Amino acid sequence: MLQSTWIALVLGFWSSLYLLDAFLKTKKSTSRSYRQALDSSGLTLSICQLRWYTNSLNRLFLRVGQWNPPLLRLWFTVGVFFSLVAMLISIFVLTLLVLNTLRRQPVEHQVLTPVMPGVNLPTSQIWYYLLTLLVCGILHEFGHAVAAVREQVRVNGFGVFLFLMYPGAYVDLSTEHLQVISPLRQLRVYCAGVWHNFIIVIVALFVLMLMPHTLMPFYTLGKAVAVTSVIPNSAVSGPRGLLPGEPVTRISDCMVTDLDTWHDCIVASMKQQSLGHCMPVQLIRDLDTSPKNYSHTPDSLDCCNETSSTHLCFLYHTKSRADTLIEAEVKYACLPARTTTDRPICRLQSDCYTPKVEMACVYPAVDNETKLLRIYHGRRPPLLFLGHPVDLFYSVSVSNYVPNSSIIPLNLPYVIETFCKYLMSLSGALVILNVVPCYALDGQWICKAFIELSLRSTIPDSDIRSLIYSLCILYGTLLLLLNVVVAMWTLFL
């Protein structure tokens, strides 16, 4: 349903935009001024595609491309070696994936996975994905432009586009200039985009690794987790529940210091019996509000009869002596939950031994899956959670970063972390995709220039070199298409 909604919204947007464009171009009163506005702004509109083209950035490309020529020459030469190695690795991996699919061997991790909103892309992260695509595309083309200036290839202009809902960028280079320079210089230009995509992956990885240190003045780590969001109408929502920004330090007797311990404490609470609390037997009798004629049955665990939201049914054992194993019958009492859980924690009756005072360890009278947990959050009294711990896990989102002040953005670490992960995955995918010797990709021109560079002296016949190039491009194109088909089949299987 969600996928159909997105398709309808995208098609509706482009249809409306195309009809508006056609109307303004055909109407006499607006046609001339509208066309002039498009020409001056560099905008062009076609079916499901919007483009913006400019040459105003050429001066920037020129300045960067002429800065420290020896260093830039070394920089883009390293990019050539990386791209050629990446091409071999990419062809090997994609070939292996196809062979494993044909052999019906399981493939744990698909290298190329199509991203579709509402299918394998959460709607809340669509903007991360689109922004990452735009950034990766712009820096990719920026690399081509700077390398072209370094190799005395004219840059005609630069543009960005939006196709359906996927953004991208492109650079317009002089074909005549590219054809007359040497194959090695061509490789520096063709490989610059892939090389810059790899650098994006490295930079994003370093940002992720340094996040705990760079954000340390603003956030506290290793002492608690911060609540980032709570599902509305859940058991822990509301003014008395967990609030965004609050630190959670404990779940019952389990200390919470980070995401791992948060998860471990919830898992431990599922496996362990609910904790009890030590109370004098006389105090239990004084606070007990259960009906006098209450009789426990397996189908009835609630001795409070839902008379109050502040009370809960507890069970306990009476003993003649605190140090004996002889126990009387199990008794039930309807006690105020807050007062009872504020008492010292116990697991066994012996934990509550006090001389001259008859003590009992009272436990929540709940089924095996329901737990009574005390969640210590901020400076407020602990939150009492009664239910399945899995509901707590899915109702609350937490972060390792606890803001030191209320003015510090709560979700900033999440935004940085998510954006960096998208940069790493998408930019890395662009490296694998673009180095494949396939039609219309950088790998096509990288392959052609490399064949000319390596085989011109050993194979003087240009026709034979062209044949080798055509076979490589044919294989790479088929290989990429097969992997896309396999990825789509895996996604919708």
Protein backbone atom coordinates (compact mmCIF):
# COMPACT_ATOMS: atom_id res chain seq x y z
CA MET A 1 0.00 0.00 0.00
CA LEU A 2 2.82 2.38 0.93
CA GLN A 3 4.72 1.59 -2.26
CA SER A 4 1.61 2.29 -4.37
CA THR A 5 1.15 5.61 -2.57
CA TRP A 6 4.70 6.69 -3.37
CA ILE A 7 4.35 5.70 -7.02
CA ALA A 8 1.10 7.66 -7.26
CA LEU A 9 2.66 10.74 -5.65
CA VAL A 10 5.72 10.68 -7.92
CA LEU A 11 3.68 10.17 -11.10
CA GLY A 12 1.18 12.82 -10.01
CA PHE A 13 3.97 15.33 -9.37
CA TRP A 14 5.62 14.79 -12.76
CA SER A 15 2.33 14.79 -14.63
CA SER A 16 1.29 18.09 -13.05
CA LEU A 17 4.71 19.63 -13.70
CA TYR A 18 4.73 18.49 -17.34
CA LEU A 19 1.21 19.78 -17.96
CA LEU A 20 2.07 23.11 -16.37
CA ASP A 21 5.20 23.38 -18.54
CA ALA A 22 3.22 22.60 -21.70
CA PHE A 23 0.53 25.13 -20.74
CA LEU A 24 3.02 27.95 -20.13
CA LYS A 25 4.87 27.22 -23.38
CA THR A 26 1.73 27.17 -25.54
CA LYS A 27 -0.08 30.14 -24.04
CA LYS A 28 0.77 33.26 -25.99
CA SER A 29 0.81 35.62 -23.03
CA THR A 30 3.38 33.58 -21.09
CA SER A 31 5.24 31.58 -23.73
CA ARG A 32 7.99 34.08 -24.53
CA SER A 33 8.74 35.19 -20.99
CA TYR A 34 8.58 31.61 -19.71
CA ARG A 35 11.04 30.34 -22.33
CA GLN A 36 13.39 33.24 -21.61
CA ALA A 37 13.25 32.45 -17.90
CA LEU A 38 14.14 28.81 -18.58
CA ASP A 39 17.04 29.78 -20.84
CA SER A 40 18.47 32.30 -18.39
CA SER A 41 18.21 29.92 -15.43
CA GLY A 42 19.54 26.88 -17.29
CA LEU A 43 16.47 24.78 -16.50
CA THR A 44 15.08 22.21 -18.93
CA LEU A 45 12.08 19.97 -18.38
CA SER A 46 11.26 16.71 -20.13
CA ILE A 47 9.17 13.66 -19.28
CA CYS A 48 9.95 12.70 -15.67
CA GLN A 49 13.19 14.66 -15.73
CA LEU A 50 14.25 18.14 -14.63
CA ARG A 51 17.75 19.45 -15.46
CA TRP A 52 19.76 22.49 -14.40
CA TYR A 53 22.90 23.40 -16.37
CA THR A 54 25.40 26.19 -15.76
CA ASN A 55 28.91 27.27 -16.66
CA SER A 56 29.25 29.59 -13.69
CA LEU A 57 31.27 26.94 -11.83
CA ASN A 58 33.94 26.72 -14.53
CA ARG A 59 36.07 29.33 -12.76
CA LEU A 60 35.99 27.25 -9.58
CA PHE A 61 37.05 24.12 -11.49
CA LEU A 62 39.85 26.12 -13.10
CA ARG A 63 41.20 27.42 -9.79
CA VAL A 64 41.14 24.00 -8.11
CA GLY A 65 42.57 22.24 -11.17
CA GLN A 66 45.51 24.65 -11.39
CA TRP A 67 46.36 24.44 -7.68
CA ASN A 68 49.64 22.56 -7.05
CA PRO A 69 49.80 20.63 -10.37
CA PRO A 70 52.40 18.03 -9.20
CA LEU A 71 50.27 17.08 -6.19
CA LEU A 72 47.11 16.84 -8.29
CA ARG A 73 48.97 14.74 -10.86
CA LEU A 74 50.00 12.31 -8.11
CA TRP A 75 46.48 12.37 -6.63
CA PHE A 76 44.74 11.41 -9.87
CA THR A 77 47.46 8.89 -10.81
CA VAL A 78 46.79 7.05 -7.56
CA GLY A 79 43.11 7.20 -8.55
CA VAL A 80 43.97 5.42 -11.81
CA PHE A 81 45.68 2.52 -10.03
CA PHE A 82 42.82 2.25 -7.54
CA SER A 83 40.17 2.23 -10.27
CA LEU A 84 41.93 -0.47 -12.29
CA VAL A 85 42.26 -2.70 -9.23
CA ALA A 86 38.66 -1.97 -8.28
CA MET A 87 37.56 -2.93 -11.81
CA LEU A 88 39.17 -6.35 -11.50
CA ILE A 89 37.71 -6.91 -8.04
CA SER A 90 34.26 -5.75 -9.13
CA ILE A 91 34.22 -8.03 -12.20
CA PHE A 92 35.40 -10.98 -10.09
CA VAL A 93 32.81 -10.43 -7.35
CA LEU A 94 29.90 -9.85 -9.73
CA THR A 95 30.89 -12.90 -11.79
CA LEU A 96 31.08 -15.01 -8.64
CA LEU A 97 27.61 -13.85 -7.58
CA VAL A 98 26.13 -14.84 -10.94
CA LEU A 99 27.85 -18.25 -10.84
CA ASN A 100 26.63 -18.90 -7.29
CA THR A 101 23.11 -17.98 -8.35
CA LEU A 102 23.26 -20.35 -11.32
CA ARG A 103 24.59 -23.09 -9.06
CA ARG A 104 21.78 -22.30 -6.60
CA GLN A 105 24.25 -21.65 -3.82
CA PRO A 106 23.07 -19.22 -1.13
CA VAL A 107 24.35 -15.65 -1.34
CA GLU A 108 24.43 -14.08 2.12
CA HIS A 109 25.09 -10.49 1.05
CA GLN A 110 23.93 -9.09 -2.27
CA VAL A 111 26.44 -6.55 -3.62
CA LEU A 112 23.94 -4.64 -5.75
CA THR A 113 20.57 -4.10 -4.11
CA PRO A 114 17.97 -1.83 -5.73
CA VAL A 115 16.64 0.72 -3.26
CA MET A 116 12.89 1.29 -3.39
CA PRO A 117 10.92 3.48 -0.96
CA GLY A 118 8.42 1.50 1.05
CA VAL A 119 10.06 -1.83 0.11
CA ASN A 120 13.58 -1.88 1.54
CA LEU A 121 13.96 1.83 2.31
CA PRO A 122 12.10 3.22 5.35
CA THR A 123 10.05 6.29 4.50
CA SER A 124 11.68 8.13 7.41
CA GLN A 125 15.10 7.79 5.71
CA ILE A 126 14.16 8.71 2.15
CA TRP A 127 15.63 12.18 2.50
CA TYR A 128 18.94 10.74 3.73
CA TYR A 129 19.04 8.54 0.66
CA LEU A 130 18.22 11.31 -1.81
CA LEU A 131 20.64 13.79 -0.24
CA THR A 132 23.39 11.17 -0.24
CA LEU A 133 22.81 10.43 -3.92
CA LEU A 134 23.06 14.14 -4.73
CA VAL A 135 26.23 14.66 -2.68
CA CYS A 136 27.92 11.56 -4.10
CA GLY A 137 26.96 12.56 -7.65
CA ILE A 138 28.22 16.15 -7.28
CA LEU A 139 31.57 15.12 -5.76
CA HIS A 140 31.93 12.38 -8.40
CA GLU A 141 31.51 14.87 -11.23
CA PHE A 142 33.63 17.45 -9.39
CA GLY A 143 36.48 14.95 -9.58
CA HIS A 144 36.04 14.58 -13.35
CA ALA A 145 35.99 18.36 -13.81
CA VAL A 146 39.12 19.05 -11.74
CA ALA A 147 41.02 16.20 -13.41
CA ALA A 148 39.96 17.51 -16.83
CA VAL A 149 41.30 20.98 -16.03
CA ARG A 150 44.54 19.41 -14.81
CA GLU A 151 44.91 17.58 -18.16
CA GLN A 152 44.06 20.70 -20.26
CA VAL A 153 40.59 19.41 -21.22
CA ARG A 154 37.98 22.14 -21.54
CA VAL A 155 35.02 22.00 -19.16
CA ASN A 156 31.93 23.34 -20.91
CA GLY A 157 29.61 23.28 -17.92
CA PHE A 158 28.13 21.45 -14.99
CA GLY A 159 24.59 20.33 -14.20
CA VAL A 160 22.32 18.50 -11.81
CA PHE A 161 19.15 16.61 -12.62
CA LEU A 162 16.17 14.93 -11.03
CA PHE A 163 14.90 11.78 -12.73
CA LEU A 164 11.61 10.56 -11.23
CA MET A 165 12.73 10.95 -7.59
CA TYR A 166 16.44 10.18 -7.99
CA PRO A 167 18.86 13.15 -8.13
CA GLY A 168 22.20 13.16 -9.91
CA ALA A 169 24.87 15.36 -11.48
CA TYR A 170 26.89 15.53 -14.69
CA VAL A 171 29.80 17.48 -16.16
CA ASP A 172 30.09 18.50 -19.83
CA LEU A 173 33.66 17.96 -21.08
CA SER A 174 35.10 18.73 -24.50
CA THR A 175 35.12 15.46 -26.46
CA GLU A 176 37.67 16.80 -28.93
CA HIS A 177 40.15 17.61 -26.19
CA LEU A 178 39.68 14.20 -24.55
CA GLN A 179 40.36 12.34 -27.79
CA VAL A 180 43.70 14.04 -28.49
CA ILE A 181 45.37 13.54 -25.10
CA SER A 182 47.30 10.37 -24.22
CA PRO A 183 45.52 7.28 -22.81
CA LEU A 184 47.16 7.78 -19.39
CA ARG A 185 45.86 11.34 -19.19
CA GLN A 186 42.45 10.10 -20.28
CA LEU A 187 42.53 7.54 -17.47
CA ARG A 188 43.21 10.29 -14.92
CA VAL A 189 40.05 12.07 -16.08
CA TYR A 190 37.87 8.96 -16.38
CA CYS A 191 38.96 7.46 -13.04
CA ALA A 192 38.65 10.68 -11.04
CA GLY A 193 34.95 10.19 -10.28
CA VAL A 194 35.35 6.65 -8.96
CA TRP A 195 38.42 7.71 -6.98
CA HIS A 196 36.48 10.53 -5.31
CA ASN A 197 33.65 8.15 -4.44
CA PHE A 198 36.16 5.96 -2.66
CA ILE A 199 37.53 8.99 -0.79
CA ILE A 200 33.96 9.77 0.32
CA VAL A 201 33.76 6.28 1.85
CA ILE A 202 37.05 6.81 3.72
CA VAL A 203 36.05 10.26 4.99
CA ALA A 204 32.64 9.02 6.17
CA LEU A 205 34.31 6.08 7.92
CA PHE A 206 36.70 8.42 9.76
CA VAL A 207 33.83 10.70 10.79
CA LEU A 208 32.01 7.69 12.26
CA MET A 209 35.12 6.56 14.12
CA LEU A 210 35.84 10.03 15.52
CA MET A 211 32.23 10.84 16.46
CA PRO A 212 32.57 9.82 20.13
CA HIS A 213 35.62 12.11 20.51
CA THR A 214 34.38 15.10 18.51
CA LEU A 215 30.98 15.12 20.24
CA MET A 216 32.37 14.51 23.73
CA PRO A 217 32.16 18.21 24.82
CA PHE A 218 28.43 18.22 24.06
CA TYR A 219 27.31 14.68 24.93
CA THR A 220 27.98 12.14 27.68
CA LEU A 221 28.82 8.59 26.68
CA GLY A 222 29.16 5.36 28.64
CA LYS A 223 26.97 6.29 31.62
CA ALA A 224 23.41 6.02 30.27
CA VAL A 225 21.32 6.02 27.10
CA ALA A 226 19.16 8.93 25.99
CA VAL A 227 15.54 8.45 24.99
CA THR A 228 15.17 9.78 21.46
CA SER A 229 11.55 8.86 20.71
CA VAL A 230 8.60 7.03 22.24
CA ILE A 231 5.74 5.49 20.29
CA PRO A 232 2.51 7.37 21.13
CA ASN A 233 -0.12 5.53 23.19
CA SER A 234 2.39 2.90 24.28
CA ALA A 235 2.83 1.65 27.83
CA VAL A 236 5.71 4.07 28.47
CA SER A 237 4.34 7.19 26.74
CA GLY A 238 2.60 10.17 28.29
CA PRO A 239 3.62 12.88 30.77
CA ARG A 240 4.50 10.29 33.43
CA GLY A 241 6.28 8.00 30.99
CA LEU A 242 9.60 8.29 29.25
CA LEU A 243 10.27 11.64 27.61
CA PRO A 244 12.69 12.39 24.72
CA GLY A 245 16.03 13.57 26.06
CA GLU A 246 15.82 11.73 29.37
CA PRO A 247 18.75 9.48 30.34
CA VAL A 248 17.95 5.87 31.27
CA THR A 249 20.47 4.49 33.75
CA ARG A 250 18.88 1.26 35.01
CA ILE A 251 16.21 -1.32 34.30
CA SER A 252 15.39 -2.79 37.71
CA ASP A 253 18.79 -3.96 39.03
CA CYS A 254 20.51 -3.99 35.61
CA MET A 255 22.78 -1.03 34.82
CA VAL A 256 22.33 0.63 31.42
CA THR A 257 25.40 2.38 30.01
CA ASP A 258 24.99 2.08 26.24
CA LEU A 259 22.87 0.49 23.52
CA ASP A 260 24.38 -2.95 24.10
CA THR A 261 23.61 -2.97 27.82
CA TRP A 262 20.12 -1.57 27.11
CA HIS A 263 19.46 -4.54 24.86
CA ASP A 264 21.11 -6.99 27.29
CA CYS A 265 19.04 -5.73 30.23
CA ILE A 266 15.80 -6.20 28.31
CA VAL A 267 16.82 -9.69 27.21
CA ALA A 268 17.85 -10.57 30.77
CA SER A 269 14.50 -9.37 32.13
CA MET A 270 12.74 -11.74 29.72
CA LYS A 271 14.70 -14.75 30.96
CA GLN A 272 14.69 -14.02 34.68
CA GLN A 273 11.87 -14.16 37.16
CA SER A 274 10.45 -10.82 38.26
CA LEU A 275 12.32 -9.38 41.21
CA GLY A 276 10.72 -9.28 44.62
CA HIS A 277 10.80 -6.66 47.37
CA CYS A 278 11.30 -7.10 51.08
CA MET A 279 8.39 -6.01 53.27
CA PRO A 280 7.36 -6.69 56.87
CA VAL A 281 4.44 -9.10 56.97
CA GLN A 282 2.53 -6.75 59.24
CA LEU A 283 2.96 -3.89 56.73
CA ILE A 284 1.69 -6.16 53.96
CA ARG A 285 -1.44 -6.87 55.96
CA ASP A 286 -1.95 -3.18 56.72
CA LEU A 287 -1.63 -2.11 53.07
CA ASP A 288 -3.54 -5.05 51.57
CA THR A 289 -6.76 -3.93 49.84
CA SER A 290 -7.68 -7.25 48.25
CA PRO A 291 -11.24 -8.55 48.80
CA LYS A 292 -11.63 -10.59 51.95
CA ASN A 293 -13.21 -13.47 50.05
CA TYR A 294 -10.53 -13.54 47.30
CA SER A 295 -9.63 -17.07 46.24
CA HIS A 296 -6.73 -17.59 43.85
CA THR A 297 -7.33 -19.67 40.75
CA PRO A 298 -5.01 -20.31 37.75
CA ASP A 299 -7.30 -18.18 35.58
CA SER A 300 -7.33 -15.27 38.02
CA LEU A 301 -4.03 -13.64 38.99
CA ASP A 302 -5.45 -10.24 39.85
CA CYS A 303 -6.39 -9.98 43.51
CA CYS A 304 -7.03 -6.26 43.06
CA ASN A 305 -9.98 -6.84 40.70
CA GLU A 306 -8.83 -3.79 38.69
CA THR A 307 -10.10 -1.50 41.43
CA SER A 308 -7.14 0.89 41.18
CA SER A 309 -4.45 1.72 38.64
CA THR A 310 -1.97 2.36 41.45
CA HIS A 311 -2.23 -1.10 43.04
CA LEU A 312 -0.95 -4.46 41.88
CA CYS A 313 -1.44 -8.01 43.06
CA PHE A 314 1.61 -9.51 44.81
CA LEU A 315 2.28 -12.97 46.20
CA TYR A 316 4.42 -13.89 49.19
CA HIS A 317 5.20 -16.78 51.52
CA THR A 318 4.93 -16.69 55.28
CA LYS A 319 7.46 -18.55 57.39
CA SER A 320 7.62 -19.54 61.00
CA ARG A 321 11.34 -18.65 61.03
CA ALA A 322 13.35 -16.60 58.55
CA ASP A 323 16.09 -19.20 58.35
CA THR A 324 13.96 -22.31 57.91
CA LEU A 325 12.83 -24.04 54.74
CA ILE A 326 9.35 -24.73 56.08
CA GLU A 327 6.90 -22.46 54.26
CA ALA A 328 3.25 -21.79 54.80
CA GLU A 329 0.76 -21.48 51.99
CA VAL A 330 1.21 -18.85 49.30
CA LYS A 331 -0.72 -15.70 50.05
CA TYR A 332 -1.82 -12.82 47.83
CA ALA A 333 -2.15 -9.15 48.62
CA CYS A 334 -3.25 -6.08 46.66
CA LEU A 335 -0.54 -3.53 47.45
CA PRO A 336 0.33 -0.03 46.18
CA ALA A 337 2.83 -0.70 43.40
CA ARG A 338 4.97 2.38 43.98
CA THR A 339 5.32 1.87 47.75
CA THR A 340 6.05 -1.82 47.35
CA THR A 341 8.68 -1.50 44.63
CA ASP A 342 10.49 1.21 46.59
CA ARG A 343 11.39 -1.43 49.17
CA PRO A 344 14.76 -3.32 49.00
CA ILE A 345 15.10 -5.83 46.17
CA CYS A 346 15.12 -9.56 46.88
CA ARG A 347 15.31 -12.73 44.84
CA LEU A 348 14.88 -15.27 47.64
CA GLN A 349 13.06 -15.25 50.95
CA SER A 350 16.40 -15.46 52.73
CA ASP A 351 17.42 -12.08 51.26
CA CYS A 352 14.87 -10.40 53.54
CA TYR A 353 15.98 -11.84 56.87
CA THR A 354 15.76 -9.29 59.69
CA PRO A 355 16.03 -10.25 63.37
CA LYS A 356 12.85 -9.98 65.44
CA VAL A 357 10.78 -8.81 62.41
CA GLU A 358 8.80 -11.21 60.22
CA MET A 359 9.73 -10.30 56.67
CA ALA A 360 8.51 -11.57 53.30
CA CYS A 361 9.74 -11.26 49.74
CA VAL A 362 6.72 -10.16 47.72
CA TYR A 363 6.64 -10.88 43.99
CA PRO A 364 4.30 -9.49 41.30
CA ALA A 365 1.50 -12.00 40.70
CA VAL A 366 1.80 -12.07 36.89
CA ASP A 367 2.13 -14.72 34.23
CA ASN A 368 5.51 -15.98 33.02
CA GLU A 369 5.81 -13.52 30.12
CA THR A 370 4.66 -10.38 31.94
CA LYS A 371 7.33 -8.55 33.94
CA LEU A 372 7.27 -5.65 36.38
CA LEU A 373 10.30 -3.46 35.62
CA ARG A 374 11.53 -0.28 37.24
CA ILE A 375 13.05 2.07 34.67
CA TYR A 376 15.30 4.72 36.19
CA HIS A 377 15.11 7.80 33.99
CA GLY A 378 16.50 11.22 34.79
CA ARG A 379 15.73 12.74 38.17
CA ARG A 380 12.11 11.61 38.28
CA PRO A 381 10.90 8.59 40.25
CA PRO A 382 11.45 5.26 38.48
CA LEU A 383 8.85 4.36 35.86
CA LEU A 384 6.97 1.16 36.58
CA PHE A 385 6.55 -0.93 33.44
CA LEU A 386 4.16 -3.88 33.54
CA GLY A 387 4.11 -5.98 30.39
CA HIS A 388 6.30 -7.96 28.04
CA PRO A 389 9.86 -6.55 27.83
CA VAL A 390 9.72 -6.80 24.02
CA ASP A 391 7.04 -4.10 24.07
CA LEU A 392 9.49 -1.84 25.91
CA PHE A 393 12.19 -2.52 23.32
CA TYR A 394 9.97 -1.64 20.36
CA SER A 395 8.23 1.30 22.05
CA VAL A 396 11.38 3.27 22.87
CA SER A 397 14.28 4.43 20.71
CA VAL A 398 17.48 5.27 22.55
CA SER A 399 20.92 6.67 21.74
CA ASN A 400 24.37 6.34 23.24
CA TYR A 401 24.72 10.12 23.24
CA VAL A 402 23.15 11.89 26.24
CA PRO A 403 23.04 15.70 25.69
CA ASN A 404 24.80 17.75 28.37
CA SER A 405 22.26 20.55 27.95
CA SER A 406 18.68 20.92 26.80
CA ILE A 407 19.76 23.27 23.97
CA ILE A 408 21.97 20.60 22.38
CA PRO A 409 20.14 18.76 19.54
CA LEU A 410 19.08 15.31 20.69
CA ASN A 411 19.08 13.68 17.24
CA LEU A 412 22.29 15.26 15.89
CA PRO A 413 24.43 12.13 16.51
CA TYR A 414 21.77 9.98 14.82
CA VAL A 415 21.65 12.32 11.82
CA ILE A 416 25.44 12.32 11.44
CA GLU A 417 25.70 8.57 11.91
CA THR A 418 22.89 7.77 9.49
CA PHE A 419 24.18 10.17 6.84
CA CYS A 420 27.70 8.74 7.10
CA LYS A 421 26.40 5.17 6.77
CA TYR A 422 24.46 6.14 3.66
CA LEU A 423 27.54 7.85 2.24
CA MET A 424 29.60 4.72 2.82
CA SER A 425 27.06 2.31 1.35
CA LEU A 426 25.92 4.38 -1.65
CA SER A 427 29.31 5.82 -2.55
CA GLY A 428 30.85 2.36 -2.24
CA ALA A 429 28.11 0.97 -4.47
CA LEU A 430 28.86 3.69 -7.04
CA VAL A 431 32.50 2.59 -7.03
CA ILE A 432 31.52 -1.02 -7.75
CA LEU A 433 28.97 0.03 -10.35
CA ASN A 434 30.98 2.64 -12.25
CA VAL A 435 34.17 0.61 -12.70
CA VAL A 436 32.35 -2.23 -14.48
CA PRO A 437 33.16 -2.01 -18.23
CA CYS A 438 29.54 -1.38 -19.18
CA TYR A 439 27.92 0.88 -21.75
CA ALA A 440 27.18 4.43 -20.50
CA LEU A 441 29.25 4.02 -17.32
CA ASP A 442 32.72 5.31 -16.48
CA GLY A 443 34.01 1.75 -16.80
CA GLN A 444 33.38 1.88 -20.54
CA TRP A 445 35.85 4.73 -21.05
CA ILE A 446 38.28 3.44 -18.43
CA CYS A 447 38.40 0.11 -20.24
CA LYS A 448 38.95 1.76 -23.62
CA ALA A 449 41.76 4.01 -22.40
CA PHE A 450 43.44 1.14 -20.54
CA ILE A 451 43.36 -1.10 -23.61
CA GLU A 452 44.93 1.67 -25.67
CA LEU A 453 47.57 2.26 -23.00
CA SER A 454 48.53 -1.37 -22.45
CA LEU A 455 48.00 -2.99 -25.86
CA ARG A 456 48.94 -0.31 -28.37
CA SER A 457 52.60 -1.41 -28.47
CA THR A 458 51.92 -5.17 -28.51
CA ILE A 459 48.83 -5.11 -30.79
CA PRO A 460 49.37 -2.38 -33.40
CA ASP A 461 46.17 -3.26 -35.29
CA SER A 462 43.45 -0.88 -34.07
CA ASP A 463 40.70 -3.20 -35.33
CA ILE A 464 41.87 -6.01 -33.04
CA ARG A 465 42.06 -3.60 -30.11
CA SER A 466 38.53 -2.44 -30.91
CA LEU A 467 37.35 -6.03 -30.98
CA ILE A 468 38.90 -6.70 -27.56
CA TYR A 469 37.29 -3.54 -26.25
CA SER A 470 33.87 -4.52 -27.65
CA LEU A 471 34.08 -7.99 -26.09
CA CYS A 472 35.02 -6.51 -22.69
CA ILE A 473 32.15 -4.03 -22.86
CA LEU A 474 29.70 -6.74 -23.93
CA TYR A 475 30.74 -9.00 -21.07
CA GLY A 476 30.61 -6.19 -18.51
CA THR A 477 27.17 -5.04 -19.69
CA LEU A 478 25.71 -8.56 -19.56
CA LEU A 479 27.34 -9.15 -16.19
CA LEU A 480 25.84 -6.01 -14.71
CA LEU A 481 22.40 -6.72 -16.17
CA LEU A 482 22.43 -10.25 -14.75
CA ASN A 483 23.32 -8.93 -11.30
CA VAL A 484 20.52 -6.36 -11.47
CA VAL A 485 18.05 -9.09 -12.45
CA VAL A 486 19.29 -11.31 -9.60
CA ALA A 487 19.03 -8.38 -7.15
CA MET A 488 15.47 -7.57 -8.25
CA TRP A 489 14.50 -11.23 -8.06
CA THR A 490 15.97 -11.50 -4.54
CA LEU A 491 14.21 -8.32 -3.44
CA PHE A 492 10.73 -9.36 -4.57
CA LEU A 493 11.07 -13.11 -4.03
